[in-house]
N, C-alpha and C. Protein backbone atom coordinates (compact mmCIF):
# COMPACT_ATOMS: atom_id res chain seq x y z
N MET A 1 -2.91 -20.38 27.56
CA MET A 1 -2.54 -21.63 28.29
C MET A 1 -3.25 -22.90 27.50
N PRO A 2 -2.50 -23.95 27.13
CA PRO A 2 -3.13 -25.01 26.48
C PRO A 2 -4.15 -25.75 27.14
N ASP A 3 -5.12 -26.32 26.48
CA ASP A 3 -6.13 -27.20 26.99
C ASP A 3 -5.52 -28.52 27.35
N SER A 4 -5.20 -28.75 28.59
CA SER A 4 -4.56 -29.99 29.08
C SER A 4 -5.63 -31.10 29.35
N HIS A 5 -6.93 -30.85 29.07
CA HIS A 5 -7.89 -31.84 29.35
C HIS A 5 -8.43 -32.46 28.19
N GLY A 6 -8.11 -32.07 26.98
CA GLY A 6 -8.62 -32.71 25.79
C GLY A 6 -7.48 -33.37 25.01
N PRO A 7 -7.79 -33.94 23.97
CA PRO A 7 -6.81 -34.57 23.18
C PRO A 7 -5.92 -33.58 22.41
N LEU A 8 -4.78 -34.06 21.91
CA LEU A 8 -4.07 -33.17 21.12
C LEU A 8 -4.57 -33.07 19.75
N ARG A 9 -4.23 -31.87 19.18
CA ARG A 9 -4.80 -31.66 17.74
C ARG A 9 -3.77 -32.32 16.84
N GLN A 10 -4.38 -32.79 15.64
CA GLN A 10 -3.74 -33.52 14.71
C GLN A 10 -3.02 -32.53 13.62
N THR A 11 -3.20 -31.28 13.81
CA THR A 11 -2.64 -30.38 12.99
C THR A 11 -1.38 -29.73 13.37
N GLU A 12 -0.84 -30.09 14.56
CA GLU A 12 0.42 -29.38 15.08
C GLU A 12 1.52 -30.49 15.13
N PHE A 13 2.55 -30.61 14.32
CA PHE A 13 3.48 -31.49 14.30
C PHE A 13 4.78 -31.07 13.66
N LYS A 14 5.84 -31.79 13.77
CA LYS A 14 7.03 -31.45 13.12
C LYS A 14 7.78 -32.83 12.97
N VAL A 15 8.74 -32.75 12.07
CA VAL A 15 9.59 -33.83 11.82
C VAL A 15 11.18 -33.67 12.04
N GLU A 16 11.88 -34.49 12.59
CA GLU A 16 13.31 -34.52 12.72
C GLU A 16 13.95 -35.72 11.98
N LEU A 17 14.98 -35.40 11.30
CA LEU A 17 15.72 -36.61 10.55
C LEU A 17 17.12 -36.36 11.24
N ASP A 18 17.56 -37.44 11.91
CA ASP A 18 18.82 -37.55 12.65
C ASP A 18 18.95 -36.18 13.58
N GLY A 19 17.87 -35.87 14.27
CA GLY A 19 18.02 -34.83 15.17
C GLY A 19 17.89 -33.34 14.58
N VAL A 20 17.68 -33.27 13.23
CA VAL A 20 17.56 -32.00 12.50
C VAL A 20 16.14 -31.66 12.03
N GLY A 21 15.66 -30.48 12.22
CA GLY A 21 14.17 -30.32 11.90
C GLY A 21 14.05 -30.27 10.38
N ILE A 22 13.14 -30.85 9.80
CA ILE A 22 12.96 -30.69 8.37
C ILE A 22 11.44 -30.16 8.13
N PRO A 23 11.38 -29.01 7.59
CA PRO A 23 10.02 -28.35 7.36
C PRO A 23 9.21 -28.77 6.33
N GLY A 24 7.96 -28.46 5.98
CA GLY A 24 7.23 -28.57 4.80
C GLY A 24 6.17 -29.69 4.86
N PHE A 25 6.01 -30.40 5.86
CA PHE A 25 5.13 -31.61 5.83
C PHE A 25 3.71 -31.19 6.07
N VAL A 26 2.88 -31.78 5.19
CA VAL A 26 1.53 -31.40 5.25
C VAL A 26 0.52 -32.60 5.82
N GLU A 27 1.13 -33.78 5.75
CA GLU A 27 0.50 -34.98 6.27
C GLU A 27 1.41 -35.96 6.67
N ILE A 28 1.10 -36.71 7.81
CA ILE A 28 1.89 -37.82 8.19
C ILE A 28 0.98 -38.97 8.58
N GLU A 29 1.22 -40.13 8.01
CA GLU A 29 0.46 -41.34 8.41
C GLU A 29 1.39 -42.24 9.29
N LEU A 30 1.08 -42.15 10.60
CA LEU A 30 1.92 -42.88 11.69
C LEU A 30 1.50 -44.38 11.39
N PRO A 31 2.51 -45.18 11.52
CA PRO A 31 2.19 -46.74 11.30
C PRO A 31 1.62 -47.35 12.43
N ALA A 32 0.68 -48.57 12.10
CA ALA A 32 0.27 -49.37 13.25
C ALA A 32 1.38 -50.23 13.54
N MET A 33 1.08 -50.77 14.84
CA MET A 33 2.15 -51.70 15.28
C MET A 33 1.29 -53.07 15.89
N ARG A 34 1.77 -54.10 15.49
CA ARG A 34 0.91 -55.32 15.91
C ARG A 34 1.91 -56.35 16.19
N THR A 35 1.46 -57.28 17.13
CA THR A 35 2.36 -58.34 17.44
C THR A 35 1.61 -59.72 17.01
N GLU A 36 2.40 -60.63 16.29
CA GLU A 36 1.97 -61.71 15.82
C GLU A 36 1.44 -62.64 16.87
N GLN A 37 0.30 -63.28 16.65
CA GLN A 37 -0.37 -64.30 17.54
C GLN A 37 0.04 -65.68 17.08
N VAL A 38 0.74 -66.39 18.03
CA VAL A 38 1.12 -67.72 17.78
C VAL A 38 0.35 -68.71 18.64
N GLU A 39 -0.38 -69.78 17.96
CA GLU A 39 -1.07 -70.73 18.72
C GLU A 39 -0.18 -71.78 19.05
N TYR A 40 -0.43 -72.37 20.26
CA TYR A 40 0.39 -73.54 20.74
C TYR A 40 -0.32 -74.49 21.61
N ARG A 41 -0.15 -75.61 21.33
CA ARG A 41 -0.88 -76.61 22.09
C ARG A 41 -0.03 -77.89 22.37
N GLU A 42 0.14 -78.46 23.49
CA GLU A 42 0.87 -79.66 23.93
C GLU A 42 -0.21 -80.87 23.77
N GLY A 43 0.23 -82.00 23.60
CA GLY A 43 -0.59 -83.14 23.44
C GLY A 43 -1.43 -83.34 24.51
N ASN A 44 -1.05 -83.01 25.79
CA ASN A 44 -1.91 -83.25 26.96
C ASN A 44 -2.66 -81.94 27.48
N ASP A 45 -2.69 -80.86 26.67
CA ASP A 45 -3.43 -79.79 26.92
C ASP A 45 -4.90 -79.93 26.61
N PRO A 46 -5.78 -79.05 27.25
CA PRO A 46 -7.04 -79.11 26.99
C PRO A 46 -7.31 -78.98 25.35
N SER A 47 -8.59 -79.00 24.89
CA SER A 47 -8.83 -79.19 23.50
C SER A 47 -8.77 -77.75 22.88
N HIS A 48 -8.15 -76.87 23.63
CA HIS A 48 -7.97 -75.41 22.92
C HIS A 48 -6.49 -75.18 22.94
N ASN A 49 -6.18 -74.23 21.89
CA ASN A 49 -4.80 -73.63 21.88
C ASN A 49 -4.58 -72.67 22.88
N ARG A 50 -3.36 -72.43 23.33
CA ARG A 50 -2.90 -71.30 24.05
C ARG A 50 -2.43 -70.21 23.03
N LYS A 51 -2.65 -68.93 23.36
CA LYS A 51 -2.29 -67.80 22.58
C LYS A 51 -0.95 -67.38 22.98
N LEU A 52 0.16 -67.25 22.33
CA LEU A 52 1.40 -66.80 22.64
C LEU A 52 1.70 -65.52 21.66
N TRP A 53 2.57 -64.77 22.04
CA TRP A 53 3.07 -63.65 21.22
C TRP A 53 4.16 -64.02 20.32
N GLY A 54 4.34 -63.41 19.18
CA GLY A 54 5.42 -63.60 18.27
C GLY A 54 6.03 -62.39 17.93
N ASP A 55 6.51 -62.33 16.62
CA ASP A 55 7.21 -61.02 16.18
C ASP A 55 6.36 -59.83 16.26
N THR A 56 6.93 -58.72 16.57
CA THR A 56 6.17 -57.38 16.40
C THR A 56 6.52 -56.92 14.85
N GLN A 57 5.25 -56.26 14.39
CA GLN A 57 5.37 -55.85 12.94
C GLN A 57 4.90 -54.53 12.86
N TYR A 58 5.41 -53.73 12.02
CA TYR A 58 4.91 -52.33 11.77
C TYR A 58 4.50 -52.11 10.50
N ASP A 59 3.54 -51.27 10.14
CA ASP A 59 3.20 -50.72 8.87
C ASP A 59 4.27 -49.77 8.57
N ASP A 60 4.18 -49.10 7.27
CA ASP A 60 5.09 -48.12 6.91
C ASP A 60 4.81 -46.71 7.53
N LEU A 61 5.73 -45.91 7.69
CA LEU A 61 5.57 -44.40 7.86
C LEU A 61 5.39 -43.73 6.65
N ILE A 62 4.43 -42.85 6.54
CA ILE A 62 4.17 -42.27 5.16
C ILE A 62 4.20 -40.71 5.52
N LEU A 63 5.17 -40.02 4.82
CA LEU A 63 5.34 -38.50 5.04
C LEU A 63 5.06 -37.92 3.64
N VAL A 64 4.15 -36.83 3.70
CA VAL A 64 3.59 -36.17 2.59
C VAL A 64 4.13 -34.67 2.82
N ARG A 65 4.72 -34.07 1.73
CA ARG A 65 5.38 -32.82 1.92
C ARG A 65 5.07 -32.00 0.65
N GLY A 66 4.92 -30.75 0.79
CA GLY A 66 4.89 -29.78 -0.38
C GLY A 66 6.11 -29.87 -1.20
N ALA A 67 5.80 -30.03 -2.47
CA ALA A 67 6.93 -30.09 -3.45
C ALA A 67 7.43 -28.74 -3.79
N ASN A 68 8.79 -28.46 -3.62
CA ASN A 68 9.36 -27.29 -4.20
C ASN A 68 10.92 -27.52 -4.26
N GLU A 69 11.49 -26.62 -4.99
CA GLU A 69 12.93 -26.84 -5.33
C GLU A 69 13.87 -26.82 -4.15
N LYS A 70 13.40 -26.27 -3.04
CA LYS A 70 14.34 -26.27 -1.86
C LYS A 70 14.24 -27.59 -0.98
N ASN A 71 13.16 -28.36 -1.13
CA ASN A 71 12.93 -29.60 -0.36
C ASN A 71 13.70 -30.68 -0.96
N LYS A 72 14.96 -30.93 -0.83
CA LYS A 72 15.71 -31.99 -1.51
C LYS A 72 16.30 -32.80 -0.44
N GLU A 73 16.14 -32.74 0.89
CA GLU A 73 16.85 -33.64 1.86
C GLU A 73 16.24 -35.02 1.69
N LEU A 74 14.90 -35.32 1.57
CA LEU A 74 14.43 -36.51 1.63
C LEU A 74 14.73 -37.23 0.16
N TYR A 75 14.54 -36.32 -0.84
CA TYR A 75 14.98 -37.01 -2.16
C TYR A 75 16.49 -37.41 -2.21
N ASP A 76 17.33 -36.57 -1.69
CA ASP A 76 18.73 -37.07 -1.74
C ASP A 76 18.95 -38.35 -0.81
N TRP A 77 18.18 -38.49 0.24
CA TRP A 77 18.19 -39.67 1.15
C TRP A 77 17.67 -40.85 0.40
N ARG A 78 16.63 -40.70 -0.39
CA ARG A 78 16.10 -41.80 -1.22
C ARG A 78 17.10 -42.16 -2.39
N LYS A 79 17.91 -41.14 -2.75
CA LYS A 79 18.72 -41.49 -3.85
C LYS A 79 20.01 -42.29 -3.19
N SER A 80 20.39 -41.99 -2.07
CA SER A 80 21.39 -42.81 -1.47
C SER A 80 20.92 -44.25 -1.21
N VAL A 81 19.69 -44.53 -0.88
CA VAL A 81 19.12 -45.87 -0.76
C VAL A 81 19.21 -46.55 -2.12
N ASN A 82 18.64 -45.73 -3.19
CA ASN A 82 18.61 -46.34 -4.48
C ASN A 82 20.07 -46.78 -4.96
N GLU A 83 21.17 -46.10 -4.48
CA GLU A 83 22.55 -46.40 -4.89
C GLU A 83 23.07 -47.35 -4.03
N GLY A 84 22.33 -47.98 -3.10
CA GLY A 84 22.76 -48.99 -2.25
C GLY A 84 23.71 -48.53 -1.08
N LYS A 85 23.75 -47.33 -0.80
CA LYS A 85 24.59 -46.81 0.30
C LYS A 85 23.98 -46.85 1.62
N MET A 86 23.53 -48.01 1.96
CA MET A 86 22.74 -48.20 3.29
C MET A 86 23.78 -47.98 4.41
N ASP A 87 25.05 -48.33 4.50
CA ASP A 87 25.83 -48.05 5.52
C ASP A 87 26.44 -46.58 5.41
N ASP A 88 26.27 -45.88 4.40
CA ASP A 88 26.70 -44.57 4.28
C ASP A 88 25.68 -43.54 4.09
N GLY A 89 24.72 -43.42 4.97
CA GLY A 89 23.62 -42.52 5.07
C GLY A 89 22.40 -42.92 4.62
N GLY A 90 22.18 -44.31 4.30
CA GLY A 90 20.95 -44.93 3.81
C GLY A 90 19.94 -45.23 4.81
N ARG A 91 20.51 -45.50 6.08
CA ARG A 91 19.65 -45.60 7.31
C ARG A 91 19.75 -44.40 8.18
N LYS A 92 18.52 -43.91 8.58
CA LYS A 92 18.62 -42.65 9.43
C LYS A 92 17.51 -42.90 10.66
N ASN A 93 17.60 -42.15 11.50
CA ASN A 93 16.63 -42.04 12.56
C ASN A 93 15.64 -40.80 12.36
N ILE A 94 14.33 -41.14 12.42
CA ILE A 94 13.27 -40.06 12.27
C ILE A 94 12.51 -39.92 13.54
N ALA A 95 12.03 -38.71 13.86
CA ALA A 95 11.16 -38.42 14.94
C ALA A 95 10.01 -37.65 14.42
N VAL A 96 8.75 -37.97 14.78
CA VAL A 96 7.56 -37.17 14.50
C VAL A 96 7.23 -36.79 15.86
N ILE A 97 7.05 -35.38 16.00
CA ILE A 97 6.77 -34.84 17.24
C ILE A 97 5.43 -34.11 17.17
N VAL A 98 4.47 -34.49 18.05
CA VAL A 98 3.19 -33.83 18.21
C VAL A 98 3.39 -32.59 19.16
N MET A 99 2.69 -31.55 18.78
CA MET A 99 2.85 -30.45 19.81
C MET A 99 1.48 -30.04 20.26
N ASN A 100 1.34 -29.20 21.33
CA ASN A 100 0.18 -28.75 21.86
C ASN A 100 -0.14 -27.50 21.19
N GLU A 101 -1.23 -26.78 21.66
CA GLU A 101 -1.67 -25.63 21.03
C GLU A 101 -0.77 -24.30 21.17
N VAL A 102 0.20 -24.40 22.08
CA VAL A 102 1.17 -23.28 22.21
C VAL A 102 2.44 -23.67 21.70
N GLY A 103 2.53 -24.86 20.97
CA GLY A 103 3.81 -25.24 20.18
C GLY A 103 4.79 -25.90 21.07
N ASP A 104 4.48 -26.41 22.22
CA ASP A 104 5.30 -27.22 22.98
C ASP A 104 5.32 -28.62 22.63
N SER A 105 6.45 -29.27 22.39
CA SER A 105 6.41 -30.79 21.97
C SER A 105 5.93 -31.58 23.29
N VAL A 106 5.08 -32.42 22.98
CA VAL A 106 4.35 -33.21 24.16
C VAL A 106 4.53 -34.74 23.83
N LEU A 107 4.49 -35.25 22.60
CA LEU A 107 4.48 -36.48 22.34
C LEU A 107 5.41 -36.82 21.15
N ARG A 108 6.29 -37.79 21.30
CA ARG A 108 7.34 -38.08 20.20
C ARG A 108 7.19 -39.58 19.71
N PHE A 109 7.22 -39.81 18.49
CA PHE A 109 7.36 -41.06 17.94
C PHE A 109 8.64 -41.26 17.30
N GLU A 110 9.41 -42.16 17.63
CA GLU A 110 10.83 -42.36 17.14
C GLU A 110 10.89 -43.58 16.28
N PHE A 111 11.57 -43.40 15.20
CA PHE A 111 11.77 -44.54 14.25
C PHE A 111 13.16 -44.77 13.92
N THR A 112 13.73 -45.93 14.32
CA THR A 112 15.21 -46.16 14.22
C THR A 112 15.56 -47.02 13.02
N LYS A 113 16.73 -46.72 12.50
CA LYS A 113 17.33 -47.37 11.29
C LYS A 113 16.29 -47.40 10.04
N ALA A 114 15.76 -46.24 9.83
CA ALA A 114 14.72 -46.05 8.78
C ALA A 114 15.34 -45.87 7.45
N TRP A 115 14.60 -46.17 6.48
CA TRP A 115 15.05 -45.86 5.00
C TRP A 115 13.86 -45.84 4.11
N ILE A 116 13.97 -44.92 3.01
CA ILE A 116 12.93 -44.56 2.11
C ILE A 116 12.85 -45.87 1.16
N LYS A 117 11.70 -46.54 1.19
CA LYS A 117 11.41 -47.56 0.29
C LYS A 117 10.67 -47.23 -1.07
N GLU A 118 9.93 -46.11 -0.94
CA GLU A 118 9.24 -45.64 -2.01
C GLU A 118 9.07 -44.05 -2.02
N TYR A 119 9.25 -43.52 -3.28
CA TYR A 119 9.14 -42.17 -3.49
C TYR A 119 7.98 -41.89 -4.50
N ARG A 120 7.11 -41.12 -4.16
CA ARG A 120 5.91 -40.84 -5.22
C ARG A 120 5.95 -39.33 -5.47
N PRO A 121 6.25 -39.06 -6.71
CA PRO A 121 6.35 -37.47 -6.98
C PRO A 121 4.88 -37.05 -7.16
N PRO A 122 4.85 -35.72 -7.33
CA PRO A 122 3.42 -34.97 -7.41
C PRO A 122 2.76 -35.47 -8.59
N THR A 123 1.37 -35.54 -8.53
CA THR A 123 0.45 -35.71 -9.56
C THR A 123 0.17 -34.30 -10.02
N LEU A 124 0.18 -34.17 -11.39
CA LEU A 124 0.07 -32.92 -12.04
C LEU A 124 -1.19 -32.91 -12.85
N ASN A 125 -1.92 -31.70 -12.93
CA ASN A 125 -3.16 -31.63 -13.56
C ASN A 125 -3.40 -30.22 -13.99
N SER A 126 -3.51 -29.96 -15.27
CA SER A 126 -3.56 -28.62 -15.77
C SER A 126 -5.03 -28.04 -15.63
N HIS A 127 -5.88 -28.87 -15.30
CA HIS A 127 -7.30 -28.44 -15.07
C HIS A 127 -7.87 -28.39 -13.61
N GLY A 128 -6.87 -28.18 -12.76
CA GLY A 128 -6.96 -28.34 -11.31
C GLY A 128 -7.79 -27.17 -10.70
N GLY A 129 -7.72 -25.91 -11.11
CA GLY A 129 -8.33 -24.81 -10.38
C GLY A 129 -7.60 -24.42 -9.23
N GLY A 130 -8.22 -23.89 -8.11
CA GLY A 130 -7.55 -23.34 -7.07
C GLY A 130 -7.88 -24.29 -5.86
N GLY A 131 -7.29 -23.79 -4.71
CA GLY A 131 -7.46 -24.45 -3.37
C GLY A 131 -6.30 -25.41 -3.06
N GLN A 132 -6.50 -26.03 -1.84
CA GLN A 132 -5.49 -26.80 -1.35
C GLN A 132 -5.24 -28.05 -2.03
N GLY A 133 -6.27 -28.55 -2.69
CA GLY A 133 -6.27 -29.88 -3.32
C GLY A 133 -5.39 -29.76 -4.64
N ASN A 134 -5.05 -28.58 -5.02
CA ASN A 134 -4.15 -28.33 -6.18
C ASN A 134 -2.62 -28.08 -5.88
N LEU A 135 -2.27 -28.34 -4.55
CA LEU A 135 -0.93 -28.20 -4.29
C LEU A 135 -0.10 -29.42 -4.59
N ALA A 136 1.05 -29.18 -5.16
CA ALA A 136 1.96 -30.34 -5.64
C ALA A 136 2.51 -30.86 -4.46
N THR A 137 2.29 -32.16 -4.10
CA THR A 137 3.03 -32.81 -2.92
C THR A 137 3.72 -34.09 -3.36
N GLU A 138 4.79 -34.25 -2.52
CA GLU A 138 5.57 -35.53 -2.71
C GLU A 138 5.33 -36.46 -1.63
N GLU A 139 5.30 -37.81 -1.81
CA GLU A 139 5.12 -38.67 -0.76
C GLU A 139 6.28 -39.67 -0.62
N TYR A 140 6.66 -39.73 0.65
CA TYR A 140 7.74 -40.72 0.98
C TYR A 140 7.17 -41.95 1.78
N VAL A 141 7.48 -43.16 1.42
CA VAL A 141 7.00 -44.27 2.23
C VAL A 141 8.33 -44.89 2.87
N ILE A 142 8.32 -44.92 4.18
CA ILE A 142 9.49 -45.24 4.97
C ILE A 142 9.22 -46.40 5.85
N THR A 143 10.23 -47.25 5.68
CA THR A 143 10.22 -48.45 6.60
C THR A 143 11.33 -48.31 7.60
N PHE A 144 11.30 -49.12 8.60
CA PHE A 144 12.17 -48.85 9.78
C PHE A 144 12.33 -50.27 10.59
N ASP A 145 13.30 -50.26 11.51
CA ASP A 145 13.41 -51.44 12.44
C ASP A 145 12.51 -51.48 13.59
N GLU A 146 12.52 -50.20 14.26
CA GLU A 146 11.65 -50.17 15.60
C GLU A 146 11.03 -48.71 15.66
N MET A 147 9.76 -48.81 16.30
CA MET A 147 9.11 -47.56 16.61
C MET A 147 8.93 -47.54 18.24
N GLU A 148 9.05 -46.26 18.70
CA GLU A 148 8.83 -46.06 20.13
C GLU A 148 8.13 -44.77 20.25
N ARG A 149 7.08 -44.87 21.14
CA ARG A 149 6.33 -43.63 21.50
C ARG A 149 6.75 -43.21 22.83
N LYS A 150 7.04 -41.83 22.92
CA LYS A 150 7.60 -41.28 24.32
C LYS A 150 6.84 -39.95 24.55
N ASN A 151 6.52 -39.67 25.88
CA ASN A 151 6.07 -38.47 26.34
C ASN A 151 7.20 -37.59 26.37
N VAL A 152 7.14 -36.34 26.00
CA VAL A 152 8.22 -35.41 26.09
C VAL A 152 8.08 -34.49 27.41
């Protein structure tokens, strides 16, 4: 039975691209969300400004994935963006799902009209040695129109 009294673990997650599960991710950096502060004061107001809200802005979503010859979905998506095919597969919806200890989906972050703005191929080093730090990973930097957090 999962521990429902503590926080979720950061090690249990999965990714969906347009509703289809995509395996192989080793790290995900979820973006911060902030709302712009706008200061406003009318001539007859007290000597301090009122704080109003402005546009909502998001940082980028960053996905890190183990590099191998089978993982080409994201690279193909990046290629369609690079070729300017934004209306023909360039924009997609992504979901990052956080799971509890028994593998049940409990928290979902949805990103709409997303596209890959940057691809970072693996860094290679012949003097690496062993261990997890020597795994070849690819990094995808993704921008999007809107983010929503949902309980599942």
